[in-house]
Amino acid sequence: MMVTGRFRALALAACIGMLLVLLAGALVTNTESGRGCGDDWPLCHGKFIPAYTLESMIEYSHRLVSGLEGLLVLAVSLSVYSKYRKNREAFKEPLFYSGTALLFTVIQALMGAAAVMWPQSPPILAIHFGISLIAFAATLLLVVWSYRVRRGMEAVYRVPSSIYPRALATAVYCYFVVYLGAYIRHTDSAGGCEGWPLCNGQVIPELEGATGAVFIHRVAALILGFAIAGLYFHIRRVSHGSAGLTKSSAWSLALVVIQVLSGALLTATIGDKDWFVFTSLLHNLIITGLFGILLDMVIRSWRLREGRVQ
């Protein structure tokens, strides 16, 4: 399988760009800049270059980065199609990754436009981050595929079939935890629990309003940590390191621990607006990497599972 350095560079640029889009969107939310351009889209207050206010510049920068990223993803998709369209069966992976990235990039752009022109409820706005997360994961998986091919790591392994359902369930549950976190951001509920690990000095607080939302998210994150730990120990026990899944599961375990600790840091900085923006972006960055690793494990454990017909 021939993958050129130019293609890998393009795929990597699209992946980095998608990460910037995701973080820029989180910055818009955390700084409450979503209305920085009023009800106009794609213009900002009817202008190509908006008047300088912090909110309008943050919102417009997000739009600009998103537009450039859309062109990058389109370029990657066209490149993949032109290179591998004659042998789609052998190159299903890059075609699937690039197609998924393009589809979800378009969806997130449309959702962003809709959120500006027709204000949405927090549950709908929270989905926007999830759409961006899938788009990023698709570009990341394309980059990972291109480097594995270059290093000759596409050789056939066999992975115990018991890994795939566990990895899939963990990834789906992780997406649910991410949604809860995004919902908390869009409802300004982050201050619902003071202190960590206790919530307002209680092991189990009253499950109402912002306090209930934050506490449920904390419990869900703790369960996710146990789920990833269980996945890690199961893979160590049954796979003997095949296809690098042991290393990936170790990384996912490390990241979920760091994510929990970053949540504690997030709680500690709620009273400081500047630090809170930084810790929020850090929290988003870690969960983005974790979700990408989990999806890679899902795909490898499915493709290489024992008993699957190639």
C-alpha atoms as a PDB file:
ATOM      1  CA  MET A   1       0.000   0.000   0.000  1.00  0.00           C
ATOM      2  CA  MET A   2       1.651   3.181  -1.203  1.00  0.00           C
ATOM      3  CA  VAL A   3       1.127   6.283   0.926  1.00  0.00           C
ATOM      4  CA  THR A   4       3.128   9.365   0.005  1.00  0.00           C
ATOM      5  CA  GLY A   5       4.664  11.795   2.439  1.00  0.00           C
ATOM      6  CA  ARG A   6       2.599  14.581   0.872  1.00  0.00           C
ATOM      7  CA  PHE A   7      -0.617  12.714   1.633  1.00  0.00           C
ATOM      8  CA  ARG A   8       0.429  12.073   5.233  1.00  0.00           C
ATOM      9  CA  ALA A   9       1.257  15.764   5.656  1.00  0.00           C
ATOM     10  CA  LEU A  10      -2.157  16.752   4.280  1.00  0.00           C
ATOM     11  CA  ALA A  11      -3.940  14.282   6.559  1.00  0.00           C
ATOM     12  CA  LEU A  12      -1.943  15.504   9.553  1.00  0.00           C
ATOM     13  CA  ALA A  13      -2.765  19.138   8.740  1.00  0.00           C
ATOM     14  CA  ALA A  14      -6.472  18.251   8.564  1.00  0.00           C
ATOM     15  CA  CYS A  15      -6.238  16.460  11.918  1.00  0.00           C
ATOM     16  CA  ILE A  16      -4.514  19.399  13.626  1.00  0.00           C
ATOM     17  CA  GLY A  17      -6.975  21.787  12.021  1.00  0.00           C
ATOM     18  CA  MET A  18      -9.918  19.773  13.303  1.00  0.00           C
ATOM     19  CA  LEU A  19      -8.454  19.828  16.797  1.00  0.00           C
ATOM     20  CA  LEU A  20      -8.174  23.624  16.567  1.00  0.00           C
ATOM     21  CA  VAL A  21     -11.803  23.832  15.432  1.00  0.00           C
ATOM     22  CA  LEU A  22     -12.901  21.717  18.373  1.00  0.00           C
ATOM     23  CA  LEU A  23     -10.934  23.786  20.885  1.00  0.00           C
ATOM     24  CA  ALA A  24     -12.039  27.055  19.288  1.00  0.00           C
ATOM     25  CA  GLY A  25     -15.648  25.956  19.647  1.00  0.00           C
ATOM     26  CA  ALA A  26     -15.051  25.159  23.306  1.00  0.00           C
ATOM     27  CA  LEU A  27     -13.455  28.596  23.729  1.00  0.00           C
ATOM     28  CA  VAL A  28     -16.534  30.234  22.227  1.00  0.00           C
ATOM     29  CA  THR A  29     -18.714  28.389  24.725  1.00  0.00           C
ATOM     30  CA  ASN A  30     -16.487  29.034  27.751  1.00  0.00           C
ATOM     31  CA  THR A  31     -16.209  32.755  27.007  1.00  0.00           C
ATOM     32  CA  GLU A  32     -19.920  33.043  26.125  1.00  0.00           C
ATOM     33  CA  SER A  33     -19.004  34.450  22.709  1.00  0.00           C
ATOM     34  CA  GLY A  34     -21.600  32.517  20.726  1.00  0.00           C
ATOM     35  CA  ARG A  35     -23.577  35.693  20.079  1.00  0.00           C
ATOM     36  CA  GLY A  36     -20.459  37.696  19.251  1.00  0.00           C
ATOM     37  CA  CYS A  37     -21.615  38.106  15.659  1.00  0.00           C
ATOM     38  CA  GLY A  38     -25.281  38.556  16.428  1.00  0.00           C
ATOM     39  CA  ASP A  39     -27.713  36.603  14.227  1.00  0.00           C
ATOM     40  CA  ASP A  40     -25.585  36.878  11.070  1.00  0.00           C
ATOM     41  CA  TRP A  41     -23.894  33.947   9.333  1.00  0.00           C
ATOM     42  CA  PRO A  42     -21.481  33.653   7.603  1.00  0.00           C
ATOM     43  CA  LEU A  43     -20.987  37.427   8.001  1.00  0.00           C
ATOM     44  CA  CYS A  44     -20.444  38.999  11.408  1.00  0.00           C
ATOM     45  CA  HIS A  45     -22.847  41.874  12.120  1.00  0.00           C
ATOM     46  CA  GLY A  46     -23.234  42.175   8.346  1.00  0.00           C
ATOM     47  CA  LYS A  47     -19.491  42.571   7.708  1.00  0.00           C
ATOM     48  CA  PHE A  48     -16.701  40.346   6.406  1.00  0.00           C
ATOM     49  CA  ILE A  49     -14.383  41.838   9.029  1.00  0.00           C
ATOM     50  CA  PRO A  50     -16.264  42.555  12.249  1.00  0.00           C
ATOM     51  CA  ALA A  51     -15.818  45.482  14.577  1.00  0.00           C
ATOM     52  CA  TYR A  52     -13.308  44.674  17.275  1.00  0.00           C
ATOM     53  CA  THR A  53     -14.847  43.269  20.412  1.00  0.00           C
ATOM     54  CA  LEU A  54     -13.465  40.273  22.238  1.00  0.00           C
ATOM     55  CA  GLU A  55     -16.633  38.223  21.736  1.00  0.00           C
ATOM     56  CA  SER A  56     -16.930  39.015  18.023  1.00  0.00           C
ATOM     57  CA  MET A  57     -13.245  38.225  17.373  1.00  0.00           C
ATOM     58  CA  ILE A  58     -13.449  34.892  19.201  1.00  0.00           C
ATOM     59  CA  GLU A  59     -16.627  33.884  17.355  1.00  0.00           C
ATOM     60  CA  TYR A  60     -15.354  35.083  13.974  1.00  0.00           C
ATOM     61  CA  SER A  61     -11.962  33.387  14.465  1.00  0.00           C
ATOM     62  CA  HIS A  62     -13.817  30.149  15.139  1.00  0.00           C
ATOM     63  CA  ARG A  63     -15.724  30.562  11.889  1.00  0.00           C
ATOM     64  CA  LEU A  64     -12.536  31.350   9.970  1.00  0.00           C
ATOM     65  CA  VAL A  65     -10.682  28.319  11.331  1.00  0.00           C
ATOM     66  CA  SER A  66     -13.718  26.129  10.630  1.00  0.00           C
ATOM     67  CA  GLY A  67     -13.895  27.368   7.034  1.00  0.00           C
ATOM     68  CA  LEU A  68     -10.217  26.692   6.383  1.00  0.00           C
ATOM     69  CA  GLU A  69     -10.531  23.266   8.002  1.00  0.00           C
ATOM     70  CA  GLY A  70     -13.480  22.470   5.769  1.00  0.00           C
ATOM     71  CA  LEU A  71     -11.291  23.092   2.719  1.00  0.00           C
ATOM     72  CA  LEU A  72      -8.549  20.875   4.185  1.00  0.00           C
ATOM     73  CA  VAL A  73     -10.951  18.020   4.855  1.00  0.00           C
ATOM     74  CA  LEU A  74     -12.380  18.365   1.354  1.00  0.00           C
ATOM     75  CA  ALA A  75      -8.853  18.230  -0.091  1.00  0.00           C
ATOM     76  CA  VAL A  76      -8.065  15.097   1.930  1.00  0.00           C
ATOM     77  CA  SER A  77     -11.284  13.421   0.823  1.00  0.00           C
ATOM     78  CA  LEU A  78     -10.636  14.191  -2.853  1.00  0.00           C
ATOM     79  CA  SER A  79      -7.051  12.957  -2.509  1.00  0.00           C
ATOM     80  CA  VAL A  80      -8.148   9.678  -0.935  1.00  0.00           C
ATOM     81  CA  TYR A  81     -10.833   9.136  -3.545  1.00  0.00           C
ATOM     82  CA  SER A  82      -8.501   9.864  -6.452  1.00  0.00           C
ATOM     83  CA  LYS A  83      -5.787   7.561  -5.101  1.00  0.00           C
ATOM     84  CA  TYR A  84      -7.839   4.599  -3.996  1.00  0.00           C
ATOM     85  CA  ARG A  85     -11.129   4.652  -5.913  1.00  0.00           C
ATOM     86  CA  LYS A  86      -9.955   1.878  -8.267  1.00  0.00           C
ATOM     87  CA  ASN A  87      -9.354  -0.503  -5.374  1.00  0.00           C
ATOM     88  CA  ARG A  88     -12.023   0.393  -2.842  1.00  0.00           C
ATOM     89  CA  GLU A  89     -12.081  -3.025  -1.213  1.00  0.00           C
ATOM     90  CA  ALA A  90      -8.404  -2.886  -0.234  1.00  0.00           C
ATOM     91  CA  PHE A  91      -8.610   0.741   0.874  1.00  0.00           C
ATOM     92  CA  LYS A  92     -11.907   0.788   2.731  1.00  0.00           C
ATOM     93  CA  GLU A  93     -10.305   2.318   5.814  1.00  0.00           C
ATOM     94  CA  PRO A  94      -9.000   5.610   4.356  1.00  0.00           C
ATOM     95  CA  LEU A  95     -12.139   5.997   2.267  1.00  0.00           C
ATOM     96  CA  PHE A  96     -14.312   5.512   5.341  1.00  0.00           C
ATOM     97  CA  TYR A  97     -12.255   7.856   7.531  1.00  0.00           C
ATOM     98  CA  SER A  98     -12.094  10.675   4.995  1.00  0.00           C
ATOM     99  CA  GLY A  99     -15.775  10.320   4.108  1.00  0.00           C
ATOM    100  CA  THR A 100     -16.775  10.383   7.775  1.00  0.00           C
ATOM    101  CA  ALA A 101     -14.602  13.440   8.432  1.00  0.00           C
ATOM    102  CA  LEU A 102     -16.161  15.302   5.495  1.00  0.00           C
ATOM    103  CA  LEU A 103     -19.723  14.363   6.459  1.00  0.00           C
ATOM    104  CA  PHE A 104     -19.391  15.423  10.086  1.00  0.00           C
ATOM    105  CA  THR A 105     -17.493  18.579   9.154  1.00  0.00           C
ATOM    106  CA  VAL A 106     -20.452  19.624   7.013  1.00  0.00           C
ATOM    107  CA  ILE A 107     -22.909  18.696   9.784  1.00  0.00           C
ATOM    108  CA  GLN A 108     -21.028  20.696  12.404  1.00  0.00           C
ATOM    109  CA  ALA A 109     -20.871  23.717  10.094  1.00  0.00           C
ATOM    110  CA  LEU A 110     -24.620  23.557   9.512  1.00  0.00           C
ATOM    111  CA  MET A 111     -25.285  23.143  13.232  1.00  0.00           C
ATOM    112  CA  GLY A 112     -23.048  26.123  13.962  1.00  0.00           C
ATOM    113  CA  ALA A 113     -24.924  28.244  11.470  1.00  0.00           C
ATOM    114  CA  ALA A 114     -28.274  27.110  12.883  1.00  0.00           C
ATOM    115  CA  ALA A 115     -27.150  27.933  16.438  1.00  0.00           C
ATOM    116  CA  VAL A 116     -26.371  31.504  15.353  1.00  0.00           C
ATOM    117  CA  MET A 117     -29.482  32.177  13.293  1.00  0.00           C
ATOM    118  CA  TRP A 118     -31.960  30.237  15.421  1.00  0.00           C
ATOM    119  CA  PRO A 119     -30.876  29.999  19.073  1.00  0.00           C
ATOM    120  CA  GLN A 120     -30.867  26.373  20.250  1.00  0.00           C
ATOM    121  CA  SER A 121     -31.517  24.757  23.617  1.00  0.00           C
ATOM    122  CA  PRO A 122     -28.542  23.489  25.692  1.00  0.00           C
ATOM    123  CA  PRO A 123     -29.254  19.792  24.923  1.00  0.00           C
ATOM    124  CA  ILE A 124     -28.995  20.530  21.188  1.00  0.00           C
ATOM    125  CA  LEU A 125     -25.942  22.765  21.576  1.00  0.00           C
ATOM    126  CA  ALA A 126     -24.174  20.012  23.528  1.00  0.00           C
ATOM    127  CA  ILE A 127     -24.477  17.731  20.501  1.00  0.00           C
ATOM    128  CA  HIS A 128     -22.360  20.182  18.501  1.00  0.00           C
ATOM    129  CA  PHE A 129     -19.245  19.295  20.505  1.00  0.00           C
ATOM    130  CA  GLY A 130     -19.961  15.604  19.997  1.00  0.00           C
ATOM    131  CA  ILE A 131     -20.205  16.084  16.227  1.00  0.00           C
ATOM    132  CA  SER A 132     -16.866  17.909  16.242  1.00  0.00           C
ATOM    133  CA  LEU A 133     -15.375  15.090  18.309  1.00  0.00           C
ATOM    134  CA  ILE A 134     -16.366  12.481  15.730  1.00  0.00           C
ATOM    135  CA  ALA A 135     -14.993  14.620  12.893  1.00  0.00           C
ATOM    136  CA  PHE A 136     -11.677  14.967  14.736  1.00  0.00           C
ATOM    137  CA  ALA A 137     -11.531  11.248  15.516  1.00  0.00           C
ATOM    138  CA  ALA A 138     -12.024  10.425  11.819  1.00  0.00           C
ATOM    139  CA  THR A 139      -9.095  12.627  10.779  1.00  0.00           C
ATOM    140  CA  LEU A 140      -6.964  11.193  13.593  1.00  0.00           C
ATOM    141  CA  LEU A 141      -7.729   7.619  12.499  1.00  0.00           C
ATOM    142  CA  LEU A 142      -6.756   8.516   8.934  1.00  0.00           C
ATOM    143  CA  VAL A 143      -3.394   9.834  10.160  1.00  0.00           C
ATOM    144  CA  VAL A 144      -2.833   6.727  12.297  1.00  0.00           C
ATOM    145  CA  TRP A 145      -3.665   4.503   9.323  1.00  0.00           C
ATOM    146  CA  SER A 146      -1.231   6.342   7.039  1.00  0.00           C
ATOM    147  CA  TYR A 147       1.659   5.957   9.499  1.00  0.00           C
ATOM    148  CA  ARG A 148       0.906   2.299  10.196  1.00  0.00           C
ATOM    149  CA  VAL A 149       0.975   1.585   6.487  1.00  0.00           C
ATOM    150  CA  ARG A 150       4.320   3.359   6.150  1.00  0.00           C
ATOM    151  CA  ARG A 151       5.829   1.314   8.964  1.00  0.00           C
ATOM    152  CA  GLY A 152       4.472  -1.954   7.645  1.00  0.00           C
ATOM    153  CA  MET A 153       2.184  -2.382  10.660  1.00  0.00           C
ATOM    154  CA  GLU A 154      -0.789  -3.378   8.532  1.00  0.00           C
ATOM    155  CA  ALA A 155       0.264  -7.020   8.826  1.00  0.00           C
ATOM    156  CA  VAL A 156      -2.513  -9.391   9.830  1.00  0.00           C
ATOM    157  CA  TYR A 157      -2.848 -10.111  13.539  1.00  0.00           C
ATOM    158  CA  ARG A 158      -5.577 -11.955  15.327  1.00  0.00           C
ATOM    159  CA  VAL A 159      -7.229 -10.363  18.338  1.00  0.00           C
ATOM    160  CA  PRO A 160      -9.430 -12.292  20.770  1.00  0.00           C
ATOM    161  CA  SER A 161     -13.062 -11.652  19.845  1.00  0.00           C
ATOM    162  CA  SER A 162     -13.938 -10.749  23.453  1.00  0.00           C
ATOM    163  CA  ILE A 163     -12.084  -7.423  23.168  1.00  0.00           C
ATOM    164  CA  TYR A 164     -14.274  -5.797  20.518  1.00  0.00           C
ATOM    165  CA  PRO A 165     -17.611  -5.631  22.413  1.00  0.00           C
ATOM    166  CA  ARG A 166     -15.837  -4.306  25.515  1.00  0.00           C
ATOM    167  CA  ALA A 167     -13.974  -1.657  23.534  1.00  0.00           C
ATOM    168  CA  LEU A 168     -17.145  -0.636  21.684  1.00  0.00           C
ATOM    169  CA  ALA A 169     -19.195  -0.341  24.880  1.00  0.00           C
ATOM    170  CA  THR A 170     -16.439   1.729  26.519  1.00  0.00           C
ATOM    171  CA  ALA A 171     -16.203   4.112  23.538  1.00  0.00           C
ATOM    172  CA  VAL A 172     -19.990   4.585  23.382  1.00  0.00           C
ATOM    173  CA  TYR A 173     -20.132   5.230  27.114  1.00  0.00           C
ATOM    174  CA  CYS A 174     -17.226   7.691  26.831  1.00  0.00           C
ATOM    175  CA  TYR A 175     -19.240   9.609  24.226  1.00  0.00           C
ATOM    176  CA  PHE A 176     -22.145   9.770  26.686  1.00  0.00           C
ATOM    177  CA  VAL A 177     -19.849  11.185  29.402  1.00  0.00           C
ATOM    178  CA  VAL A 178     -18.552  13.769  26.924  1.00  0.00           C
ATOM    179  CA  TYR A 179     -22.111  14.805  26.140  1.00  0.00           C
ATOM    180  CA  LEU A 180     -22.839  15.297  29.844  1.00  0.00           C
ATOM    181  CA  GLY A 181     -19.772  17.533  30.131  1.00  0.00           C
ATOM    182  CA  ALA A 182     -20.835  19.577  27.094  1.00  0.00           C
ATOM    183  CA  TYR A 183     -24.339  19.929  28.522  1.00  0.00           C
ATOM    184  CA  ILE A 184     -22.888  21.286  31.778  1.00  0.00           C
ATOM    185  CA  ARG A 185     -20.899  23.896  29.846  1.00  0.00           C
ATOM    186  CA  HIS A 186     -23.916  25.054  27.843  1.00  0.00           C
ATOM    187  CA  THR A 187     -26.088  25.363  30.955  1.00  0.00           C
ATOM    188  CA  ASP A 188     -23.382  27.201  32.951  1.00  0.00           C
ATOM    189  CA  SER A 189     -23.620  24.494  35.611  1.00  0.00           C
ATOM    190  CA  ALA A 190     -19.899  24.036  36.265  1.00  0.00           C
ATOM    191  CA  GLY A 191     -20.180  25.709  39.664  1.00  0.00           C
ATOM    192  CA  GLY A 192     -22.837  23.287  40.843  1.00  0.00           C
ATOM    193  CA  CYS A 193     -20.322  21.394  42.976  1.00  0.00           C
ATOM    194  CA  GLU A 194     -17.852  23.290  45.122  1.00  0.00           C
ATOM    195  CA  GLY A 195     -14.845  21.251  46.145  1.00  0.00           C
ATOM    196  CA  TRP A 196     -13.470  17.934  44.936  1.00  0.00           C
ATOM    197  CA  PRO A 197     -13.908  14.971  45.327  1.00  0.00           C
ATOM    198  CA  LEU A 198     -16.827  15.873  47.609  1.00  0.00           C
ATOM    199  CA  CYS A 199     -19.644  17.959  46.174  1.00  0.00           C
ATOM    200  CA  ASN A 200     -20.473  20.927  48.385  1.00  0.00           C
ATOM    201  CA  GLY A 201     -18.959  19.010  51.291  1.00  0.00           C
ATOM    202  CA  GLN A 202     -21.259  16.017  50.764  1.00  0.00           C
ATOM    203  CA  VAL A 203     -20.663  12.513  49.431  1.00  0.00           C
ATOM    204  CA  ILE A 204     -24.105  12.551  47.798  1.00  0.00           C
ATOM    205  CA  PRO A 205     -25.592  16.049  47.434  1.00  0.00           C
ATOM    206  CA  GLU A 206     -29.139  16.965  46.531  1.00  0.00           C
ATOM    207  CA  LEU A 207     -29.586  15.898  42.907  1.00  0.00           C
ATOM    208  CA  GLU A 208     -31.215  19.084  41.680  1.00  0.00           C
ATOM    209  CA  GLY A 209     -30.288  21.755  39.161  1.00  0.00           C
ATOM    210  CA  ALA A 210     -26.608  22.462  38.498  1.00  0.00           C
ATOM    211  CA  THR A 211     -25.491  20.423  41.500  1.00  0.00           C
ATOM    212  CA  GLY A 212     -27.271  17.336  40.234  1.00  0.00           C
ATOM    213  CA  ALA A 213     -25.850  17.740  36.708  1.00  0.00           C
ATOM    214  CA  VAL A 214     -22.249  18.118  37.890  1.00  0.00           C
ATOM    215  CA  PHE A 215     -22.524  15.281  40.407  1.00  0.00           C
ATOM    216  CA  ILE A 216     -23.955  12.895  37.808  1.00  0.00           C
ATOM    217  CA  HIS A 217     -21.134  13.834  35.445  1.00  0.00           C
ATOM    218  CA  ARG A 218     -18.572  13.095  38.170  1.00  0.00           C
ATOM    219  CA  VAL A 219     -20.084   9.696  38.897  1.00  0.00           C
ATOM    220  CA  ALA A 220     -20.246   8.927  35.172  1.00  0.00           C
ATOM    221  CA  ALA A 221     -16.571   9.896  34.778  1.00  0.00           C
ATOM    222  CA  LEU A 222     -15.628   7.625  37.678  1.00  0.00           C
ATOM    223  CA  ILE A 223     -17.497   4.723  36.084  1.00  0.00           C
ATOM    224  CA  LEU A 224     -15.689   5.451  32.808  1.00  0.00           C
ATOM    225  CA  GLY A 225     -12.374   5.185  34.666  1.00  0.00           C
ATOM    226  CA  PHE A 226     -13.329   1.773  36.031  1.00  0.00           C
ATOM    227  CA  ALA A 227     -14.532   0.658  32.589  1.00  0.00           C
ATOM    228  CA  ILE A 228     -11.240   1.627  30.941  1.00  0.00           C
ATOM    229  CA  ALA A 229      -9.261  -0.039  33.739  1.00  0.00           C
ATOM    230  CA  GLY A 230     -11.312  -3.193  33.222  1.00  0.00           C
ATOM    231  CA  LEU A 231     -10.675  -3.044  29.477  1.00  0.00           C
ATOM    232  CA  TYR A 232      -6.942  -2.609  30.059  1.00  0.00           C
ATOM    233  CA  PHE A 233      -6.633  -5.604  32.367  1.00  0.00           C
ATOM    234  CA  HIS A 234      -8.787  -7.750  30.090  1.00  0.00           C
ATOM    235  CA  ILE A 235      -6.608  -6.929  27.079  1.00  0.00           C
ATOM    236  CA  ARG A 236      -3.448  -7.690  29.045  1.00  0.00           C
ATOM    237  CA  ARG A 237      -4.888 -11.023  30.071  1.00  0.00           C
ATOM    238  CA  VAL A 238      -6.117 -12.273  26.705  1.00  0.00           C
ATOM    239  CA  SER A 239      -4.329 -10.518  23.837  1.00  0.00           C
ATOM    240  CA  HIS A 240      -0.617 -10.948  24.637  1.00  0.00           C
ATOM    241  CA  GLY A 241       0.008  -7.500  23.163  1.00  0.00           C
ATOM    242  CA  SER A 242      -1.293  -8.319  19.685  1.00  0.00           C
ATOM    243  CA  ALA A 243      -1.811  -5.355  17.337  1.00  0.00           C
ATOM    244  CA  GLY A 244      -0.533  -2.960  19.980  1.00  0.00           C
ATOM    245  CA  LEU A 245      -3.825  -2.997  21.881  1.00  0.00           C
ATOM    246  CA  THR A 246      -2.101  -3.374  25.233  1.00  0.00           C
ATOM    247  CA  LYS A 247      -0.147  -0.159  24.684  1.00  0.00           C
ATOM    248  CA  SER A 248      -3.249   1.691  23.471  1.00  0.00           C
ATOM    249  CA  SER A 249      -5.295   0.546  26.450  1.00  0.00           C
ATOM    250  CA  ALA A 250      -2.492   1.664  28.780  1.00  0.00           C
ATOM    251  CA  TRP A 251      -2.558   5.101  27.175  1.00  0.00           C
ATOM    252  CA  SER A 252      -6.327   5.267  27.551  1.00  0.00           C
ATOM    253  CA  LEU A 253      -6.044   4.341  31.230  1.00  0.00           C
ATOM    254  CA  ALA A 254      -3.410   7.028  31.805  1.00  0.00           C
ATOM    255  CA  LEU A 255      -5.497   9.644  29.992  1.00  0.00           C
ATOM    256  CA  VAL A 256      -8.681   8.892  31.911  1.00  0.00           C
ATOM    257  CA  VAL A 257      -6.783   9.320  35.191  1.00  0.00           C
ATOM    258  CA  ILE A 258      -5.360  12.633  33.940  1.00  0.00           C
ATOM    259  CA  GLN A 259      -8.844  13.639  32.786  1.00  0.00           C
ATOM    260  CA  VAL A 260     -10.291  13.067  36.250  1.00  0.00           C
ATOM    261  CA  LEU A 261      -7.491  15.131  37.779  1.00  0.00           C
ATOM    262  CA  SER A 262      -8.049  17.890  35.222  1.00  0.00           C
ATOM    263  CA  GLY A 263     -11.693  17.892  36.320  1.00  0.00           C
ATOM    264  CA  ALA A 264     -10.533  18.548  39.867  1.00  0.00           C
ATOM    265  CA  LEU A 265      -8.355  21.398  38.559  1.00  0.00           C
ATOM    266  CA  LEU A 266     -11.328  22.735  36.633  1.00  0.00           C
ATOM    267  CA  THR A 267     -13.373  22.836  39.839  1.00  0.00           C
ATOM    268  CA  ALA A 268     -10.585  24.623  41.691  1.00  0.00           C
ATOM    269  CA  THR A 269     -10.395  27.409  39.090  1.00  0.00           C
ATOM    270  CA  ILE A 270     -14.106  28.163  38.698  1.00  0.00           C
ATOM    271  CA  GLY A 271     -13.718  31.433  40.599  1.00  0.00           C
ATOM    272  CA  ASP A 272     -10.940  32.687  38.298  1.00  0.00           C
ATOM    273  CA  LYS A 273     -12.330  33.352  34.821  1.00  0.00           C
ATOM    274  CA  ASP A 274      -8.971  33.399  33.011  1.00  0.00           C
ATOM    275  CA  TRP A 275      -7.694  30.188  34.595  1.00  0.00           C
ATOM    276  CA  PHE A 276     -11.093  28.547  34.163  1.00  0.00           C
ATOM    277  CA  VAL A 277     -10.955  29.067  30.397  1.00  0.00           C
ATOM    278  CA  PHE A 278      -7.508  27.456  30.304  1.00  0.00           C
ATOM    279  CA  THR A 279      -8.463  24.470  32.472  1.00  0.00           C
ATOM    280  CA  SER A 280     -11.660  23.978  30.440  1.00  0.00           C
ATOM    281  CA  LEU A 281      -9.668  23.790  27.214  1.00  0.00           C
ATOM    282  CA  LEU A 282      -7.220  21.372  28.858  1.00  0.00           C
ATOM    283  CA  HIS A 283     -10.146  19.208  29.967  1.00  0.00           C
ATOM    284  CA  ASN A 284     -11.500  19.177  26.407  1.00  0.00           C
ATOM    285  CA  LEU A 285      -8.090  18.396  24.919  1.00  0.00           C
ATOM    286  CA  ILE A 286      -7.539  15.341  27.121  1.00  0.00           C
ATOM    287  CA  ILE A 287     -10.977  13.823  26.486  1.00  0.00           C
ATOM    288  CA  THR A 288     -10.501  14.375  22.754  1.00  0.00           C
ATOM    289  CA  GLY A 289      -7.297  12.337  22.775  1.00  0.00           C
ATOM    290  CA  LEU A 290      -8.878   9.661  24.946  1.00  0.00           C
ATOM    291  CA  PHE A 291     -11.890   9.267  22.662  1.00  0.00           C
ATOM    292  CA  GLY A 292      -9.644   9.014  19.599  1.00  0.00           C
ATOM    293  CA  ILE A 293      -7.598   6.212  21.176  1.00  0.00           C
ATOM    294  CA  LEU A 294     -10.738   4.325  22.190  1.00  0.00           C
ATOM    295  CA  LEU A 295     -12.140   4.504  18.653  1.00  0.00           C
ATOM    296  CA  ASP A 296      -8.852   3.249  17.233  1.00  0.00           C
ATOM    297  CA  MET A 297      -9.024   0.297  19.618  1.00  0.00           C
ATOM    298  CA  VAL A 298     -12.612  -0.394  18.563  1.00  0.00           C
ATOM    299  CA  ILE A 299     -11.716  -0.468  14.876  1.00  0.00           C
ATOM    300  CA  ARG A 300      -8.605  -2.621  15.302  1.00  0.00           C
ATOM    301  CA  SER A 301     -10.314  -5.090  17.626  1.00  0.00           C
ATOM    302  CA  TRP A 302     -13.150  -5.396  15.078  1.00  0.00           C
ATOM    303  CA  ARG A 303     -11.017  -5.711  11.940  1.00  0.00           C
ATOM    304  CA  LEU A 304      -8.523  -8.145  13.463  1.00  0.00           C
ATOM    305  CA  ARG A 305     -10.810 -10.202  15.669  1.00  0.00           C
ATOM    306  CA  GLU A 306     -10.587 -13.965  15.631  1.00  0.00           C
ATOM    307  CA  GLY A 307     -13.091 -15.658  13.387  1.00  0.00           C
ATOM    308  CA  ARG A 308     -13.687 -12.647  11.129  1.00  0.00           C
ATOM    309  CA  VAL A 309     -13.628 -13.410   7.412  1.00  0.00           C
ATOM    310  CA  GLN A 310     -11.159 -11.075   5.704  1.00  0.00           C
END
